[in-house]
Structure formats: structure tokens, C-alpha cells
């Protein structure tokens, strides 16, 4: 079970804010905080928001038309965890090939997290576990 599994929304958001605060102040970071800071460094468009007090309580409803930065950034972390463990098997190879085609690891991640988000949404809607083979097939089509 991951650190995030036992946390509610506000606690999760506070984890992101604390990691970013510590990074900006040059304080030592726990390994997860360093991963969070690495992802935030690639997203300057979210940095001020994550640092703000209102970030913890902000609502991101589909009808509002605002992207949820916490979701976007968390999908990056989830993908990086998959790449680190090569689970589902073969995802690391797919990522390497897509990175070569895109010319950037970050661009490859963005394309891959779109497929991840769709896979998770479909699983949630159908009330079943994500289909790893369908997920990999979606990644192969990128």
C-alpha cells in the first residue's frame, strides 16, 4: 500500500504543498518529496498555485473547465512508478520508444498519462480493476 492510499484529498494536497515549500526553501527532501519537486519543476504553470493556501480546498469539477493540477501531477508520479517497476510488463520499453519519437521524456509522459487517465476513468465507470492489456494497447498506439 502506498503512502497516498491512506490519505484524504486535503492531506494529499498538503503533501504536495509541503514538498514544494521544502524544495523552494532548499530544505532536505524525503524521496517522495524529491519526486514531487521533480514533477513540479517540469510544470511552472502549477507552481504558484500549489504553493498557495487555496490550493488545498480548490474544487475541480468537469463542468468548471479547469484542469486539476493535482490530478495531472499525480498521474506523472503514477506513470513514473510504473516505469520504475516496469509494471505492467513492457511499459518501460514503450516509454523509451515514445521518448525517442517525441524527443522529450516529458512529452512522452504527457501522452502516456492521457492513456492512463482514460484507462482509470473507464475502470472506475465500469466498477472494475483497470485492464492492463487494454492500457498497454493504448500506449502502443501512441
Protein backbone atom coordinates (compact mmCIF):
# COMPACT_ATOMS: atom_id res chain seq x y z
CA UNK A 1 0.00 0.00 0.00
CA UNK A 2 1.38 3.39 -0.92
CA UNK A 3 1.74 6.43 1.29
CA UNK A 4 -1.03 8.09 -0.68
CA UNK A 5 -3.58 5.28 -0.22
CA UNK A 6 -4.33 6.21 3.39
CA UNK A 7 -4.64 9.96 2.78
CA UNK A 8 -7.69 12.02 2.02
CA UNK A 9 -7.76 14.73 -0.62
CA UNK A 10 -6.72 17.57 1.67
CA UNK A 11 -3.86 15.60 3.22
CA UNK A 12 -2.63 14.59 -0.24
CA UNK A 13 -2.68 18.17 -1.39
CA UNK A 14 -0.86 19.25 1.76
CA UNK A 15 1.83 16.67 0.92
CA UNK A 16 2.34 18.31 -2.49
CA UNK A 17 2.42 21.79 -0.95
CA UNK A 18 4.89 20.78 1.76
CA UNK A 19 7.24 19.10 -0.73
CA UNK A 20 7.19 22.18 -2.93
CA UNK A 21 7.75 24.52 0.04
CA UNK A 22 10.72 22.46 1.23
CA UNK A 23 12.19 22.39 -2.28
CA UNK A 24 11.85 26.17 -2.70
CA UNK A 25 13.48 26.77 0.68
CA UNK A 26 16.35 24.39 -0.11
CA UNK A 27 15.44 22.08 2.76
CA UNK A 28 16.21 18.35 2.73
CA UNK A 29 13.58 16.27 0.97
CA UNK A 30 12.32 12.77 1.63
CA UNK A 31 12.47 10.57 -1.50
CA UNK A 32 8.77 11.09 -2.30
CA UNK A 33 9.12 14.84 -1.77
CA UNK A 34 12.02 14.87 -4.23
CA UNK A 35 9.87 13.08 -6.81
CA UNK A 36 7.09 15.61 -6.27
CA UNK A 37 9.52 18.51 -6.66
CA UNK A 38 10.95 16.96 -9.85
CA UNK A 39 7.49 16.78 -11.42
CA UNK A 40 6.63 20.31 -10.31
CA UNK A 41 9.86 21.66 -11.80
CA UNK A 42 8.56 20.49 -15.19
CA UNK A 43 5.28 22.37 -14.65
CA UNK A 44 5.95 26.04 -13.88
CA UNK A 45 2.31 26.76 -14.71
CA UNK A 46 1.26 24.98 -11.50
CA UNK A 47 3.99 26.08 -9.09
CA UNK A 48 2.38 29.24 -7.72
CA UNK A 49 -0.98 27.56 -7.38
CA UNK A 50 0.44 24.56 -5.49
CA UNK A 51 2.22 26.96 -3.13
CA UNK A 52 -0.98 28.87 -2.36
CA UNK A 53 -3.30 28.28 0.60
CA UNK A 54 -6.44 27.98 -1.59
CA UNK A 55 -4.90 25.01 -3.41
CA UNK A 56 -5.88 22.61 -0.63
CA UNK A 57 -9.58 23.40 -0.87
CA UNK A 58 -9.91 24.13 -4.60
CA UNK A 59 -12.62 22.25 -6.49
CA UNK A 60 -12.07 20.93 -9.99
CA UNK A 61 -15.35 19.78 -11.44
CA UNK A 62 -15.66 18.77 -15.10
CA UNK A 63 -18.21 21.49 -15.72
CA UNK A 64 -15.77 24.09 -14.37
CA UNK A 65 -13.41 23.61 -17.29
CA UNK A 66 -10.27 23.88 -15.14
CA UNK A 67 -7.65 21.18 -15.25
CA UNK A 68 -6.89 19.68 -11.85
CA UNK A 69 -3.15 20.21 -11.34
CA UNK A 70 -3.04 17.67 -8.52
CA UNK A 71 -4.51 15.00 -10.77
CA UNK A 72 -2.19 15.86 -13.64
CA UNK A 73 0.91 15.83 -11.44
CA UNK A 74 -0.18 12.66 -9.64
CA UNK A 75 -0.60 10.89 -12.97
CA UNK A 76 3.04 11.77 -13.70
CA UNK A 77 4.06 10.17 -10.39
CA UNK A 78 1.92 7.10 -11.08
CA UNK A 79 3.46 6.67 -14.52
CA UNK A 80 6.96 7.09 -13.12
CA UNK A 81 6.19 4.39 -10.54
CA UNK A 82 5.06 2.09 -13.37
CA UNK A 83 8.24 2.85 -15.30
CA UNK A 84 10.40 2.20 -12.24
CA UNK A 85 8.86 -1.23 -11.71
CA UNK A 86 8.14 -1.98 -15.39
CA UNK A 87 4.58 -2.81 -14.46
CA UNK A 88 2.63 -3.51 -16.48
CA UNK A 89 5.42 -5.50 -18.07
CA UNK A 90 6.77 -3.75 -21.14
CA UNK A 91 5.76 -0.20 -20.22
CA UNK A 92 9.39 0.85 -19.82
CA UNK A 93 10.18 -0.25 -23.39
CA UNK A 94 7.11 1.57 -24.72
CA UNK A 95 8.14 4.71 -22.85
CA UNK A 96 11.69 4.59 -24.22
CA UNK A 97 10.43 4.26 -27.79
CA UNK A 98 7.90 7.06 -27.36
CA UNK A 99 10.54 9.30 -25.78
CA UNK A 100 12.75 8.81 -28.84
CA UNK A 101 9.85 9.64 -31.19
CA UNK A 102 8.76 12.69 -29.14
CA UNK A 103 12.28 13.91 -28.48
CA UNK A 104 11.43 14.51 -24.83
CA UNK A 105 10.71 12.33 -21.83
CA UNK A 106 8.23 14.91 -20.53
CA UNK A 107 6.27 14.96 -23.79
CA UNK A 108 6.20 11.16 -23.81
CA UNK A 109 4.89 11.20 -20.24
CA UNK A 110 2.13 13.63 -21.19
CA UNK A 111 0.97 11.38 -24.00
CA UNK A 112 1.13 8.32 -21.76
CA UNK A 113 -0.74 9.88 -18.86
CA UNK A 114 -3.63 10.67 -21.19
CA UNK A 115 -3.95 6.94 -21.84
CA UNK A 116 -3.52 6.19 -18.13
CA UNK A 117 -6.24 8.68 -17.19
CA UNK A 118 -8.63 7.19 -19.75
CA UNK A 119 -7.88 3.67 -18.54
CA UNK A 120 -8.54 4.64 -14.93
CA UNK A 121 -11.72 6.51 -15.82
CA UNK A 122 -13.07 3.54 -17.79
CA UNK A 123 -12.29 1.16 -14.94
CA UNK A 124 -13.94 3.42 -12.41
CA UNK A 125 -17.02 3.84 -14.60
CA UNK A 126 -17.32 0.06 -15.04
CA UNK A 127 -16.51 -0.60 -11.34
CA UNK A 128 -13.65 -3.00 -12.07
CA UNK A 129 -9.86 -3.03 -11.96
CA UNK A 130 -8.03 -1.35 -14.84
CA UNK A 131 -7.34 -3.63 -17.78
CA UNK A 132 -3.55 -3.73 -18.12
CA UNK A 133 -3.63 -5.24 -21.60
CA UNK A 134 -6.03 -2.57 -22.86
CA UNK A 135 -3.81 0.06 -21.23
CA UNK A 136 -0.69 -1.30 -22.94
CA UNK A 137 -2.52 -1.46 -26.26
CA UNK A 138 -3.49 2.18 -25.89
CA UNK A 139 0.14 3.05 -25.20
CA UNK A 140 1.30 1.07 -28.23
CA UNK A 141 -0.98 3.17 -30.43
CA UNK A 142 0.71 6.43 -29.44
